[in-house]
Every structure is written in C-alpha cells, then in structure tokens.
Amino acid sequence: MSRTDLAIGICLGIAIALVALALYVFGGGAGESIDAPSLDQSTPAAQQAGQK
C-alpha cells in the first residue's frame, strides 16, 4: 500500500465520520437520546432561580 492510498483512506474515513456526526446532530437523532436537555420545559432549579 502506498502513502497515497493511506492518505486517501484517512481522508475518506474522517469525511464519513464528520457526515455521520452531522446527520446525527442535525438530523434529530441527538434529540431522542435519554439525557437530551429540553428548552421548552423549565427545571426545578430554573423555577427556584426565577422566584428569588
């Protein structure tokens, strides 16, 4: 295997990983995870801070 093949493989791997990450984050997969924060519901800490 030549250095060119190695460089092409590394670049393709990084590109595929970035595309997969972007699809997960912006495609809605991240919003369905268990620990995803919610902006439309106020938490007890936010409610207490607002009452002070």
Protein backbone atom coordinates (compact mmCIF):
# COMPACT_ATOMS: atom_id res chain seq x y z
CA MET A 1 0.00 0.00 0.00
CA SER A 2 1.39 3.39 -0.96
CA ARG A 3 1.32 6.60 1.00
CA THR A 4 -1.28 7.96 -1.40
CA ASP A 5 -3.66 5.10 -0.65
CA LEU A 6 -3.13 5.62 3.07
CA ALA A 7 -3.81 9.37 2.81
CA ILE A 8 -6.95 8.78 0.73
CA GLY A 9 -8.21 6.21 3.25
CA ILE A 10 -7.63 8.51 6.20
CA CYS A 11 -9.33 11.45 4.46
CA LEU A 12 -12.31 9.31 3.46
CA GLY A 13 -12.63 7.96 6.99
CA ILE A 14 -12.61 11.43 8.51
CA ALA A 15 -15.12 12.70 5.92
CA ILE A 16 -17.50 9.79 6.54
CA ALA A 17 -17.24 10.29 10.31
CA LEU A 18 -18.00 14.02 10.00
CA VAL A 19 -21.01 13.37 7.76
CA ALA A 20 -22.33 10.74 10.18
CA LEU A 21 -21.88 13.12 13.12
CA ALA A 22 -23.62 15.97 11.30
CA LEU A 23 -26.53 13.72 10.34
CA TYR A 24 -26.88 12.56 13.94
CA VAL A 25 -26.75 16.05 15.45
CA PHE A 26 -28.76 17.98 12.87
CA GLY A 27 -30.94 15.09 11.69
CA GLY A 28 -32.73 14.77 15.01
CA GLY A 29 -31.05 11.65 16.39
CA ALA A 30 -29.48 13.58 19.25
CA GLY A 31 -32.84 14.95 20.39
CA GLU A 32 -34.15 11.46 21.04
CA SER A 33 -31.38 10.43 23.43
CA ILE A 34 -32.16 9.85 27.10
CA ASP A 35 -30.16 12.74 28.53
CA ALA A 36 -31.07 15.37 25.94
CA PRO A 37 -31.81 18.74 27.55
CA SER A 38 -35.18 20.31 26.91
CA LEU A 39 -35.61 24.03 26.41
CA ASP A 40 -39.41 24.02 26.44
CA GLN A 41 -39.77 22.66 29.98
CA SER A 42 -38.42 24.54 32.98
CA THR A 43 -36.48 22.56 35.55
CA PRO A 44 -36.93 22.93 39.32
CA ALA A 45 -33.60 24.79 39.54
CA ALA A 46 -34.78 27.30 36.92
CA GLN A 47 -38.09 27.76 38.74
CA GLN A 48 -36.32 28.41 42.05
CA ALA A 49 -33.95 30.89 40.46
CA GLY A 50 -36.91 32.78 38.99
CA GLN A 51 -38.66 33.06 42.38
CA LYS A 52 -35.75 34.76 44.16
